[in-house]
Amino acid sequence: MKRGFKKVLLTALAVVVAFGLKKVQADAHAYYFVNDSTQTTITLSWDASFYGDKKAEGFTIYWNEGTCTNWEDYRIATSSGNKITFRDLKPGTPYAFNVQCTLVDKDGNREYNQRVLHACLVTKPGKVDGLSLTPAKDGKSAKITWKSQVACDYEYEVADLNCKKIAKLSGVVEQESGITKTKATIKGLNPSKGYLIRVRAKYFVTGGTQYGPWTPYKKIFPNVKLTKAVLKDGVAKLTWKDAKDFDSFEIYASKKAKTGFRKVASAKKGATTASFKKYGSQKLKAKTTYYVYVAGVKKINGTKNTVKSNIVKVVVR
């Protein structure tokens, strides 16, 4: 969708979408109201004062999914009063409504197909689905993709591992027409640091912006690289590259290269070394090979996350 046309469409939609209760001039005949629009419902009500001495014999609502210029495939609803709620709608999607009625005067004369209102409305954005993240090999950028919603723009947010927003790395991504996913490339990342990235849908309305809920965070953790593992005087000492974004570190060992690892030591935030002299309840055995790795630990919103280093072999001679 070209940005100019999209701006015109969203401006037209913004006239009739509101927070809470909003009174809008529909046409020369009546006022209508938008009540409590949600991600899946739109409620319309209208002012019947224009009837004068005439009486309405119920209302017929022609409606469909799409803009107000598309009436090729409409549906019909009816209401005996001046209010109707449409349910099971799609989040972040425009819907068109055309309300008509038959008026009867005191002599029984009927005026058919009298227009009450004609409007386009948009449901509130839903949570974005399908968020995917792919960090670059050099750790300096990351690509994100997600599934689109029909009437929405998008906003992504980058934070550090303590959930603190990094303003210079947040931005807005415009949707393009005819695609099922949108994407962005986030640049300026530091390979030695960790990041949290999330996305939400939004669109502009008169008086503010409607936001959908944020997706859960996608995480980028710095690598933990174990650079040395040596044995001296019955003690195994491990050294790794500094990784300050972690809360602590855990050291694991096994007599097998791929399985059977158990925790043998731990280290505090900012540490780059740790040692151990026992495997389980036993001292390290002579002429035995052990496999070791270090794991960075970080809690995010109460959830423990661990990032494993490479595995290094230690031989007790």
C-alpha atoms as a PDB file:
ATOM      1  CA  MET A   1       0.000   0.000   0.000  1.00  0.00           C
ATOM      2  CA  LYS A   2       1.493   3.346  -0.970  1.00  0.00           C
ATOM      3  CA  ARG A   3       2.100   5.634   1.995  1.00  0.00           C
ATOM      4  CA  GLY A   4       0.005   8.488   0.526  1.00  0.00           C
ATOM      5  CA  PHE A   5      -3.060   6.308  -0.024  1.00  0.00           C
ATOM      6  CA  LYS A   6      -2.557   4.590   3.321  1.00  0.00           C
ATOM      7  CA  LYS A   7      -2.423   7.941   5.106  1.00  0.00           C
ATOM      8  CA  VAL A   8      -5.729   8.979   3.482  1.00  0.00           C
ATOM      9  CA  LEU A   9      -7.349   5.679   4.474  1.00  0.00           C
ATOM     10  CA  LEU A  10      -6.141   5.799   8.064  1.00  0.00           C
ATOM     11  CA  THR A  11      -7.165   9.460   8.337  1.00  0.00           C
ATOM     12  CA  ALA A  12     -10.670   8.542   7.203  1.00  0.00           C
ATOM     13  CA  LEU A  13     -10.757   5.654   9.640  1.00  0.00           C
ATOM     14  CA  ALA A  14      -9.427   7.852  12.445  1.00  0.00           C
ATOM     15  CA  VAL A  15     -12.432  10.165  12.163  1.00  0.00           C
ATOM     16  CA  VAL A  16     -14.748   7.440  13.385  1.00  0.00           C
ATOM     17  CA  VAL A  17     -12.607   5.404  15.807  1.00  0.00           C
ATOM     18  CA  ALA A  18     -12.406   6.517  19.412  1.00  0.00           C
ATOM     19  CA  PHE A  19     -11.511   5.600  22.957  1.00  0.00           C
ATOM     20  CA  GLY A  20     -14.656   4.986  25.022  1.00  0.00           C
ATOM     21  CA  LEU A  21     -17.737   6.871  23.816  1.00  0.00           C
ATOM     22  CA  LYS A  22     -17.434   9.246  20.873  1.00  0.00           C
ATOM     23  CA  LYS A  23     -20.130  11.264  19.062  1.00  0.00           C
ATOM     24  CA  VAL A  24     -19.584  11.624  15.315  1.00  0.00           C
ATOM     25  CA  GLN A  25     -21.577  13.401  12.590  1.00  0.00           C
ATOM     26  CA  ALA A  26     -22.470  10.615  10.162  1.00  0.00           C
ATOM     27  CA  ASP A  27     -24.326  12.639   7.505  1.00  0.00           C
ATOM     28  CA  ALA A  28     -27.047  15.239   7.280  1.00  0.00           C
ATOM     29  CA  HIS A  29     -29.521  12.967   9.042  1.00  0.00           C
ATOM     30  CA  ALA A  30     -28.084  11.649  12.303  1.00  0.00           C
ATOM     31  CA  TYR A  31     -25.300  11.371  14.827  1.00  0.00           C
ATOM     32  CA  TYR A  32     -23.817   8.014  15.728  1.00  0.00           C
ATOM     33  CA  PHE A  33     -21.626   6.782  18.524  1.00  0.00           C
ATOM     34  CA  VAL A  34     -18.757   4.316  18.869  1.00  0.00           C
ATOM     35  CA  ASN A  35     -19.096   2.445  22.166  1.00  0.00           C
ATOM     36  CA  ASP A  36     -16.384   0.236  23.668  1.00  0.00           C
ATOM     37  CA  SER A  37     -14.699  -1.006  20.505  1.00  0.00           C
ATOM     38  CA  THR A  38     -12.349  -3.903  21.293  1.00  0.00           C
ATOM     39  CA  GLN A  39     -10.054  -6.221  19.326  1.00  0.00           C
ATOM     40  CA  THR A  40     -13.040  -8.334  18.233  1.00  0.00           C
ATOM     41  CA  THR A  41     -16.155  -6.140  18.637  1.00  0.00           C
ATOM     42  CA  ILE A  42     -17.578  -2.846  17.388  1.00  0.00           C
ATOM     43  CA  THR A  43     -20.706  -1.312  18.944  1.00  0.00           C
ATOM     44  CA  LEU A  44     -22.699   1.329  17.087  1.00  0.00           C
ATOM     45  CA  SER A  45     -25.586   3.448  18.342  1.00  0.00           C
ATOM     46  CA  TRP A  46     -27.261   6.428  16.722  1.00  0.00           C
ATOM     47  CA  ASP A  47     -29.342   9.472  17.553  1.00  0.00           C
ATOM     48  CA  ALA A  48     -32.919   9.191  16.268  1.00  0.00           C
ATOM     49  CA  SER A  49     -33.870  12.825  16.778  1.00  0.00           C
ATOM     50  CA  PHE A  50     -33.898  13.500  13.061  1.00  0.00           C
ATOM     51  CA  TYR A  51     -37.087  11.395  12.670  1.00  0.00           C
ATOM     52  CA  GLY A  52     -39.320  14.304  13.726  1.00  0.00           C
ATOM     53  CA  ASP A  53     -42.962  13.138  13.674  1.00  0.00           C
ATOM     54  CA  LYS A  54     -42.044   9.984  11.793  1.00  0.00           C
ATOM     55  CA  LYS A  55     -41.404   6.524  13.246  1.00  0.00           C
ATOM     56  CA  ALA A  56     -38.698   4.042  12.228  1.00  0.00           C
ATOM     57  CA  GLU A  57     -39.806   0.458  11.545  1.00  0.00           C
ATOM     58  CA  GLY A  58     -36.486  -1.071  12.571  1.00  0.00           C
ATOM     59  CA  PHE A  59     -33.049  -0.781  11.036  1.00  0.00           C
ATOM     60  CA  THR A  60     -31.097  -2.732   8.424  1.00  0.00           C
ATOM     61  CA  ILE A  61     -27.304  -2.660   8.659  1.00  0.00           C
ATOM     62  CA  TYR A  62     -25.254  -3.512   5.595  1.00  0.00           C
ATOM     63  CA  TRP A  63     -21.680  -4.251   6.614  1.00  0.00           C
ATOM     64  CA  ASN A  64     -18.507  -5.961   5.496  1.00  0.00           C
ATOM     65  CA  GLU A  65     -14.809  -6.323   6.173  1.00  0.00           C
ATOM     66  CA  GLY A  66     -12.849  -3.688   4.315  1.00  0.00           C
ATOM     67  CA  THR A  67     -13.023  -0.024   3.431  1.00  0.00           C
ATOM     68  CA  CYS A  68     -16.154   2.035   2.805  1.00  0.00           C
ATOM     69  CA  THR A  69     -15.545   1.861  -0.941  1.00  0.00           C
ATOM     70  CA  ASN A  70     -15.953  -1.922  -1.098  1.00  0.00           C
ATOM     71  CA  TRP A  71     -19.568  -3.128  -1.112  1.00  0.00           C
ATOM     72  CA  GLU A  72     -19.249  -6.065  -3.475  1.00  0.00           C
ATOM     73  CA  ASP A  73     -19.679  -8.702  -0.759  1.00  0.00           C
ATOM     74  CA  TYR A  74     -21.678  -7.261   2.123  1.00  0.00           C
ATOM     75  CA  ARG A  75     -23.552  -8.906   4.990  1.00  0.00           C
ATOM     76  CA  ILE A  76     -26.846  -7.855   6.523  1.00  0.00           C
ATOM     77  CA  ALA A  77     -27.807  -7.382  10.174  1.00  0.00           C
ATOM     78  CA  THR A  78     -30.976  -5.936  11.692  1.00  0.00           C
ATOM     79  CA  SER A  79     -31.816  -4.030  14.851  1.00  0.00           C
ATOM     80  CA  SER A  80     -35.142  -2.984  16.327  1.00  0.00           C
ATOM     81  CA  GLY A  81     -33.482  -0.252  18.403  1.00  0.00           C
ATOM     82  CA  ASN A  82     -30.812   2.360  17.960  1.00  0.00           C
ATOM     83  CA  LYS A  83     -27.847   0.151  18.937  1.00  0.00           C
ATOM     84  CA  ILE A  84     -26.060  -2.929  17.635  1.00  0.00           C
ATOM     85  CA  THR A  85     -22.865  -4.835  18.502  1.00  0.00           C
ATOM     86  CA  PHE A  86     -20.840  -6.772  15.941  1.00  0.00           C
ATOM     87  CA  ARG A  87     -18.825  -9.631  17.415  1.00  0.00           C
ATOM     88  CA  ASP A  88     -16.140 -12.135  16.389  1.00  0.00           C
ATOM     89  CA  LEU A  89     -14.332  -9.545  14.268  1.00  0.00           C
ATOM     90  CA  LYS A  90     -10.655  -9.590  13.386  1.00  0.00           C
ATOM     91  CA  PRO A  91      -8.195  -7.444  15.376  1.00  0.00           C
ATOM     92  CA  GLY A  92      -6.715  -4.399  13.667  1.00  0.00           C
ATOM     93  CA  THR A  93      -9.131  -4.675  10.738  1.00  0.00           C
ATOM     94  CA  PRO A  94     -11.361  -2.049   9.040  1.00  0.00           C
ATOM     95  CA  TYR A  95     -15.110  -2.636   8.713  1.00  0.00           C
ATOM     96  CA  ALA A  96     -17.680  -0.632   6.731  1.00  0.00           C
ATOM     97  CA  PHE A  97     -21.252   0.007   7.961  1.00  0.00           C
ATOM     98  CA  ASN A  98     -24.313   1.396   6.170  1.00  0.00           C
ATOM     99  CA  VAL A  99     -27.447   1.710   8.342  1.00  0.00           C
ATOM    100  CA  GLN A 100     -30.847   2.262   6.718  1.00  0.00           C
ATOM    101  CA  CYS A 101     -34.445   2.289   7.949  1.00  0.00           C
ATOM    102  CA  THR A 102     -38.056   2.684   6.764  1.00  0.00           C
ATOM    103  CA  LEU A 103     -39.854   5.756   8.138  1.00  0.00           C
ATOM    104  CA  VAL A 104     -43.628   5.928   8.637  1.00  0.00           C
ATOM    105  CA  ASP A 105     -45.509   9.223   9.095  1.00  0.00           C
ATOM    106  CA  LYS A 106     -48.762   9.697  11.036  1.00  0.00           C
ATOM    107  CA  ASP A 107     -50.813   8.972   7.879  1.00  0.00           C
ATOM    108  CA  GLY A 108     -49.081   5.636   7.300  1.00  0.00           C
ATOM    109  CA  ASN A 109     -46.954   6.793   4.396  1.00  0.00           C
ATOM    110  CA  ARG A 110     -43.621   4.982   4.154  1.00  0.00           C
ATOM    111  CA  GLU A 111     -40.225   6.226   3.098  1.00  0.00           C
ATOM    112  CA  TYR A 112     -38.010   3.254   2.304  1.00  0.00           C
ATOM    113  CA  ASN A 113     -34.207   2.921   2.500  1.00  0.00           C
ATOM    114  CA  GLN A 114     -33.595   6.107   4.443  1.00  0.00           C
ATOM    115  CA  ARG A 115     -29.896   6.313   5.295  1.00  0.00           C
ATOM    116  CA  VAL A 116     -29.117   6.698   8.986  1.00  0.00           C
ATOM    117  CA  LEU A 117     -25.324   6.493   8.852  1.00  0.00           C
ATOM    118  CA  HIS A 118     -22.427   5.379   6.678  1.00  0.00           C
ATOM    119  CA  ALA A 119     -19.042   4.785   8.332  1.00  0.00           C
ATOM    120  CA  CYS A 120     -15.737   2.920   8.368  1.00  0.00           C
ATOM    121  CA  LEU A 121     -14.427   1.694  11.733  1.00  0.00           C
ATOM    122  CA  VAL A 122     -11.383  -0.304  12.818  1.00  0.00           C
ATOM    123  CA  THR A 123     -11.140  -2.840  15.613  1.00  0.00           C
ATOM    124  CA  LYS A 124      -8.338  -2.307  18.109  1.00  0.00           C
ATOM    125  CA  PRO A 125      -5.031  -3.954  17.164  1.00  0.00           C
ATOM    126  CA  GLY A 126      -4.410  -7.449  18.487  1.00  0.00           C
ATOM    127  CA  LYS A 127      -1.150  -8.985  19.628  1.00  0.00           C
ATOM    128  CA  VAL A 128       1.270  -9.492  16.769  1.00  0.00           C
ATOM    129  CA  ASP A 129       1.818 -13.160  15.904  1.00  0.00           C
ATOM    130  CA  GLY A 130       4.812 -14.979  14.501  1.00  0.00           C
ATOM    131  CA  LEU A 131       7.615 -12.765  15.784  1.00  0.00           C
ATOM    132  CA  SER A 132      10.933 -14.247  14.679  1.00  0.00           C
ATOM    133  CA  LEU A 133      14.462 -12.965  15.386  1.00  0.00           C
ATOM    134  CA  THR A 134      17.720 -13.783  13.593  1.00  0.00           C
ATOM    135  CA  PRO A 135      20.917 -12.152  14.910  1.00  0.00           C
ATOM    136  CA  ALA A 136      23.711 -11.500  12.420  1.00  0.00           C
ATOM    137  CA  LYS A 137      26.845 -13.605  12.756  1.00  0.00           C
ATOM    138  CA  ASP A 138      28.907 -10.583  13.796  1.00  0.00           C
ATOM    139  CA  GLY A 139      26.366  -9.705  16.521  1.00  0.00           C
ATOM    140  CA  LYS A 140      26.040  -6.098  15.304  1.00  0.00           C
ATOM    141  CA  SER A 141      22.511  -6.350  13.906  1.00  0.00           C
ATOM    142  CA  ALA A 142      19.425  -8.543  13.970  1.00  0.00           C
ATOM    143  CA  LYS A 143      16.539  -9.182  11.592  1.00  0.00           C
ATOM    144  CA  ILE A 144      12.971  -9.510  12.886  1.00  0.00           C
ATOM    145  CA  THR A 145       9.845 -10.619  11.018  1.00  0.00           C
ATOM    146  CA  TRP A 146       6.207 -10.984  12.066  1.00  0.00           C
ATOM    147  CA  LYS A 147       2.733 -11.532  10.656  1.00  0.00           C
ATOM    148  CA  SER A 148       0.766  -8.465   9.602  1.00  0.00           C
ATOM    149  CA  GLN A 149      -2.607  -7.074  10.609  1.00  0.00           C
ATOM    150  CA  VAL A 150      -4.677  -5.388   7.906  1.00  0.00           C
ATOM    151  CA  ALA A 151      -5.003  -1.798   9.137  1.00  0.00           C
ATOM    152  CA  CYS A 152      -1.944  -1.422  11.316  1.00  0.00           C
ATOM    153  CA  ASP A 153       1.496   0.083  11.442  1.00  0.00           C
ATOM    154  CA  TYR A 154       4.038  -1.451  13.798  1.00  0.00           C
ATOM    155  CA  GLU A 155       6.479  -0.406  16.456  1.00  0.00           C
ATOM    156  CA  TYR A 156       9.424  -2.374  17.784  1.00  0.00           C
ATOM    157  CA  GLU A 157      11.274  -1.756  21.022  1.00  0.00           C
ATOM    158  CA  VAL A 158      14.801  -2.717  21.990  1.00  0.00           C
ATOM    159  CA  ALA A 159      15.762  -3.032  25.652  1.00  0.00           C
ATOM    160  CA  ASP A 160      18.730  -4.320  27.615  1.00  0.00           C
ATOM    161  CA  LEU A 161      18.517  -7.543  29.617  1.00  0.00           C
ATOM    162  CA  ASN A 162      17.169  -5.567  32.592  1.00  0.00           C
ATOM    163  CA  CYS A 163      14.136  -4.516  30.493  1.00  0.00           C
ATOM    164  CA  LYS A 164      15.358  -0.913  30.237  1.00  0.00           C
ATOM    165  CA  LYS A 165      14.391   0.594  26.870  1.00  0.00           C
ATOM    166  CA  ILE A 166      17.217   1.679  24.580  1.00  0.00           C
ATOM    167  CA  ALA A 167      15.665   4.704  22.874  1.00  0.00           C
ATOM    168  CA  LYS A 168      18.097   5.060  19.993  1.00  0.00           C
ATOM    169  CA  LEU A 169      17.361   1.511  18.813  1.00  0.00           C
ATOM    170  CA  SER A 170      13.548   1.726  18.791  1.00  0.00           C
ATOM    171  CA  GLY A 171      11.621   2.612  15.660  1.00  0.00           C
ATOM    172  CA  VAL A 172       8.509   2.443  13.519  1.00  0.00           C
ATOM    173  CA  VAL A 173       7.988   0.115  10.581  1.00  0.00           C
ATOM    174  CA  GLU A 174       5.341   0.768   7.943  1.00  0.00           C
ATOM    175  CA  GLN A 175       3.265  -2.096   6.588  1.00  0.00           C
ATOM    176  CA  GLU A 176       3.290  -2.828   2.872  1.00  0.00           C
ATOM    177  CA  SER A 177       0.267  -4.028   0.947  1.00  0.00           C
ATOM    178  CA  GLY A 178      -0.154  -7.611  -0.165  1.00  0.00           C
ATOM    179  CA  ILE A 179       2.337  -9.324   2.156  1.00  0.00           C
ATOM    180  CA  THR A 180       1.715 -11.699   5.044  1.00  0.00           C
ATOM    181  CA  LYS A 181       4.762 -10.690   7.079  1.00  0.00           C
ATOM    182  CA  THR A 182       6.595  -7.484   7.846  1.00  0.00           C
ATOM    183  CA  LYS A 183      10.225  -7.151   8.794  1.00  0.00           C
ATOM    184  CA  ALA A 184      12.902  -4.838  10.103  1.00  0.00           C
ATOM    185  CA  THR A 185      16.663  -4.862  10.556  1.00  0.00           C
ATOM    186  CA  ILE A 186      17.884  -3.526  13.887  1.00  0.00           C
ATOM    187  CA  LYS A 187      21.400  -2.103  13.649  1.00  0.00           C
ATOM    188  CA  GLY A 188      23.902  -0.731  16.125  1.00  0.00           C
ATOM    189  CA  LEU A 189      23.954  -3.735  18.465  1.00  0.00           C
ATOM    190  CA  ASN A 190      27.006  -4.515  20.600  1.00  0.00           C
ATOM    191  CA  PRO A 191      28.108  -8.162  20.231  1.00  0.00           C
ATOM    192  CA  SER A 192      29.254  -8.261  23.874  1.00  0.00           C
ATOM    193  CA  LYS A 193      25.859  -7.207  25.232  1.00  0.00           C
ATOM    194  CA  GLY A 194      22.411  -8.800  25.440  1.00  0.00           C
ATOM    195  CA  TYR A 195      19.127  -7.382  24.166  1.00  0.00           C
ATOM    196  CA  LEU A 196      15.364  -7.845  24.414  1.00  0.00           C
ATOM    197  CA  ILE A 197      13.220  -7.087  21.366  1.00  0.00           C
ATOM    198  CA  ARG A 198       9.424  -6.930  21.097  1.00  0.00           C
ATOM    199  CA  VAL A 199       6.809  -5.653  18.624  1.00  0.00           C
ATOM    200  CA  ARG A 200       3.273  -4.255  18.812  1.00  0.00           C
ATOM    201  CA  ALA A 201       0.691  -3.108  16.281  1.00  0.00           C
ATOM    202  CA  LYS A 202      -0.726   0.415  16.283  1.00  0.00           C
ATOM    203  CA  TYR A 203      -2.760   2.875  14.277  1.00  0.00           C
ATOM    204  CA  PHE A 204      -3.530   6.550  14.594  1.00  0.00           C
ATOM    205  CA  VAL A 205      -6.940   7.892  15.638  1.00  0.00           C
ATOM    206  CA  THR A 206      -8.280  11.333  16.410  1.00  0.00           C
ATOM    207  CA  GLY A 207      -6.897  12.396  19.770  1.00  0.00           C
ATOM    208  CA  GLY A 208      -4.312   9.647  20.156  1.00  0.00           C
ATOM    209  CA  THR A 209      -2.973   6.278  19.018  1.00  0.00           C
ATOM    210  CA  GLN A 210      -4.495   2.837  19.469  1.00  0.00           C
ATOM    211  CA  TYR A 211      -1.912   0.228  20.539  1.00  0.00           C
ATOM    212  CA  GLY A 212      -2.108  -3.523  20.588  1.00  0.00           C
ATOM    213  CA  PRO A 213      -0.356  -5.498  23.346  1.00  0.00           C
ATOM    214  CA  TRP A 214       3.381  -6.115  23.120  1.00  0.00           C
ATOM    215  CA  THR A 215       4.609  -9.521  22.021  1.00  0.00           C
ATOM    216  CA  PRO A 216       6.712 -11.488  24.511  1.00  0.00           C
ATOM    217  CA  TYR A 217      10.373 -10.522  24.310  1.00  0.00           C
ATOM    218  CA  LYS A 218      12.709 -12.218  21.887  1.00  0.00           C
ATOM    219  CA  LYS A 219      16.154 -12.440  23.483  1.00  0.00           C
ATOM    220  CA  ILE A 220      19.696 -11.947  22.252  1.00  0.00           C
ATOM    221  CA  PHE A 221      22.384 -13.067  24.701  1.00  0.00           C
ATOM    222  CA  PRO A 222      26.124 -12.434  24.418  1.00  0.00           C
ATOM    223  CA  ASN A 223      28.222 -15.521  23.849  1.00  0.00           C
ATOM    224  CA  VAL A 224      30.059 -17.082  26.778  1.00  0.00           C
ATOM    225  CA  LYS A 225      33.435 -18.264  25.503  1.00  0.00           C
ATOM    226  CA  LEU A 226      35.464 -20.620  27.685  1.00  0.00           C
ATOM    227  CA  THR A 227      39.079 -19.817  26.770  1.00  0.00           C
ATOM    228  CA  LYS A 228      41.060 -22.034  29.142  1.00  0.00           C
ATOM    229  CA  ALA A 229      40.583 -25.020  31.449  1.00  0.00           C
ATOM    230  CA  VAL A 230      43.688 -26.309  33.280  1.00  0.00           C
ATOM    231  CA  LEU A 231      44.419 -28.622  36.195  1.00  0.00           C
ATOM    232  CA  LYS A 232      46.949 -27.841  38.912  1.00  0.00           C
ATOM    233  CA  ASP A 233      47.392 -29.526  42.275  1.00  0.00           C
ATOM    234  CA  GLY A 234      44.111 -31.405  41.922  1.00  0.00           C
ATOM    235  CA  VAL A 235      42.120 -28.259  41.133  1.00  0.00           C
ATOM    236  CA  ALA A 236      40.530 -27.498  37.748  1.00  0.00           C
ATOM    237  CA  LYS A 237      40.546 -23.805  36.904  1.00  0.00           C
ATOM    238  CA  LEU A 238      38.366 -22.320  34.151  1.00  0.00           C
ATOM    239  CA  THR A 239      38.768 -18.934  32.468  1.00  0.00           C
ATOM    240  CA  TRP A 240      36.231 -17.273  30.167  1.00  0.00           C
ATOM    241  CA  LYS A 241      35.763 -13.947  28.453  1.00  0.00           C
ATOM    242  CA  ASP A 242      34.104 -11.174  30.441  1.00  0.00           C
ATOM    243  CA  ALA A 243      30.294 -11.164  30.070  1.00  0.00           C
ATOM    244  CA  LYS A 244      28.934  -8.492  32.431  1.00  0.00           C
ATOM    245  CA  ASP A 245      25.327  -8.751  31.243  1.00  0.00           C
ATOM    246  CA  PHE A 246      24.851 -11.997  33.201  1.00  0.00           C
ATOM    247  CA  ASP A 247      23.792 -12.115  36.862  1.00  0.00           C
ATOM    248  CA  SER A 248      26.041 -15.079  37.697  1.00  0.00           C
ATOM    249  CA  PHE A 249      27.766 -18.122  36.229  1.00  0.00           C
ATOM    250  CA  GLU A 250      27.483 -21.875  36.744  1.00  0.00           C
ATOM    251  CA  ILE A 251      30.202 -24.402  35.946  1.00  0.00           C
ATOM    252  CA  TYR A 252      29.297 -27.905  34.789  1.00  0.00           C
ATOM    253  CA  ALA A 253      31.422 -31.026  34.335  1.00  0.00           C
ATOM    254  CA  SER A 254      30.974 -34.544  33.012  1.00  0.00           C
ATOM    255  CA  LYS A 255      33.058 -37.621  32.235  1.00  0.00           C
ATOM    256  CA  LYS A 256      31.254 -37.842  28.889  1.00  0.00           C
ATOM    257  CA  ALA A 257      31.598 -35.378  26.014  1.00  0.00           C
ATOM    258  CA  LYS A 258      27.878 -34.746  25.445  1.00  0.00           C
ATOM    259  CA  THR A 259      25.834 -36.029  28.407  1.00  0.00           C
ATOM    260  CA  GLY A 260      25.918 -36.441  32.181  1.00  0.00           C
ATOM    261  CA  PHE A 261      26.891 -32.869  33.073  1.00  0.00           C
ATOM    262  CA  ARG A 262      26.447 -31.808  36.695  1.00  0.00           C
ATOM    263  CA  LYS A 263      26.976 -28.469  38.397  1.00  0.00           C
ATOM    264  CA  VAL A 264      30.343 -28.352  40.175  1.00  0.00           C
ATOM    265  CA  ALA A 265      30.870 -24.652  40.955  1.00  0.00           C
ATOM    266  CA  SER A 266      29.410 -21.172  40.570  1.00  0.00           C
ATOM    267  CA  ALA A 267      30.691 -17.603  40.221  1.00  0.00           C
ATOM    268  CA  LYS A 268      29.257 -14.140  40.831  1.00  0.00           C
ATOM    269  CA  LYS A 269      28.399 -11.394  38.362  1.00  0.00           C
ATOM    270  CA  GLY A 270      31.444 -10.026  36.553  1.00  0.00           C
ATOM    271  CA  ALA A 271      33.621 -13.061  37.257  1.00  0.00           C
ATOM    272  CA  THR A 272      35.918 -14.451  34.571  1.00  0.00           C
ATOM    273  CA  THR A 273      37.353 -17.433  36.466  1.00  0.00           C
ATOM    274  CA  ALA A 274      36.148 -20.307  38.643  1.00  0.00           C
ATOM    275  CA  SER A 275      37.627 -23.536  39.961  1.00  0.00           C
ATOM    276  CA  PHE A 276      36.525 -26.896  41.340  1.00  0.00           C
ATOM    277  CA  LYS A 277      38.312 -29.906  42.857  1.00  0.00           C
ATOM    278  CA  LYS A 278      35.460 -32.369  43.206  1.00  0.00           C
ATOM    279  CA  TYR A 279      33.147 -34.095  40.776  1.00  0.00           C
ATOM    280  CA  GLY A 280      30.117 -34.995  42.849  1.00  0.00           C
ATOM    281  CA  SER A 281      31.392 -36.130  46.247  1.00  0.00           C
ATOM    282  CA  GLN A 282      34.732 -37.379  44.915  1.00  0.00           C
ATOM    283  CA  LYS A 283      37.977 -35.610  44.255  1.00  0.00           C
ATOM    284  CA  LEU A 284      39.098 -35.356  40.663  1.00  0.00           C
ATOM    285  CA  LYS A 285      40.551 -38.723  39.685  1.00  0.00           C
ATOM    286  CA  ALA A 286      43.971 -39.221  38.178  1.00  0.00           C
ATOM    287  CA  LYS A 287      44.180 -40.404  34.581  1.00  0.00           C
ATOM    288  CA  THR A 288      40.578 -39.296  33.992  1.00  0.00           C
ATOM    289  CA  THR A 289      39.197 -36.969  31.327  1.00  0.00           C
ATOM    290  CA  TYR A 290      36.562 -34.429  32.254  1.00  0.00           C
ATOM    291  CA  TYR A 291      34.530 -32.197  29.972  1.00  0.00           C
ATOM    292  CA  VAL A 292      33.565 -28.773  31.289  1.00  0.00           C
ATOM    293  CA  TYR A 293      31.596 -25.692  30.283  1.00  0.00           C
ATOM    294  CA  VAL A 294      30.437 -22.463  31.912  1.00  0.00           C
ATOM    295  CA  ALA A 295      26.879 -21.115  31.672  1.00  0.00           C
ATOM    296  CA  GLY A 296      25.889 -17.460  32.008  1.00  0.00           C
ATOM    297  CA  VAL A 297      22.717 -16.985  34.082  1.00  0.00           C
ATOM    298  CA  LYS A 298      20.245 -14.121  33.685  1.00  0.00           C
ATOM    299  CA  LYS A 299      16.777 -13.709  35.200  1.00  0.00           C
ATOM    300  CA  ILE A 300      14.296 -11.773  33.052  1.00  0.00           C
ATOM    301  CA  ASN A 301      10.855 -11.042  34.490  1.00  0.00           C
ATOM    302  CA  GLY A 302      11.411 -13.810  37.040  1.00  0.00           C
ATOM    303  CA  THR A 303      12.404 -16.447  34.472  1.00  0.00           C
ATOM    304  CA  LYS A 304      15.875 -18.003  34.607  1.00  0.00           C
ATOM    305  CA  ASN A 305      17.781 -17.998  31.313  1.00  0.00           C
ATOM    306  CA  THR A 306      21.102 -19.793  30.805  1.00  0.00           C
ATOM    307  CA  VAL A 307      23.598 -19.505  27.966  1.00  0.00           C
ATOM    308  CA  LYS A 308      26.126 -22.323  27.624  1.00  0.00           C
ATOM    309  CA  SER A 309      29.716 -21.839  26.529  1.00  0.00           C
ATOM    310  CA  ASN A 310      31.760 -24.158  24.384  1.00  0.00           C
ATOM    311  CA  ILE A 311      32.869 -27.436  25.985  1.00  0.00           C
ATOM    312  CA  VAL A 312      36.555 -27.875  26.890  1.00  0.00           C
ATOM    313  CA  LYS A 313      38.325 -31.129  27.755  1.00  0.00           C
ATOM    314  CA  VAL A 314      40.398 -31.393  30.967  1.00  0.00           C
ATOM    315  CA  VAL A 315      42.672 -34.381  31.527  1.00  0.00           C
ATOM    316  CA  VAL A 316      43.818 -35.315  35.055  1.00  0.00           C
ATOM    317  CA  ARG A 317      47.240 -36.880  34.623  1.00  0.00           C
END
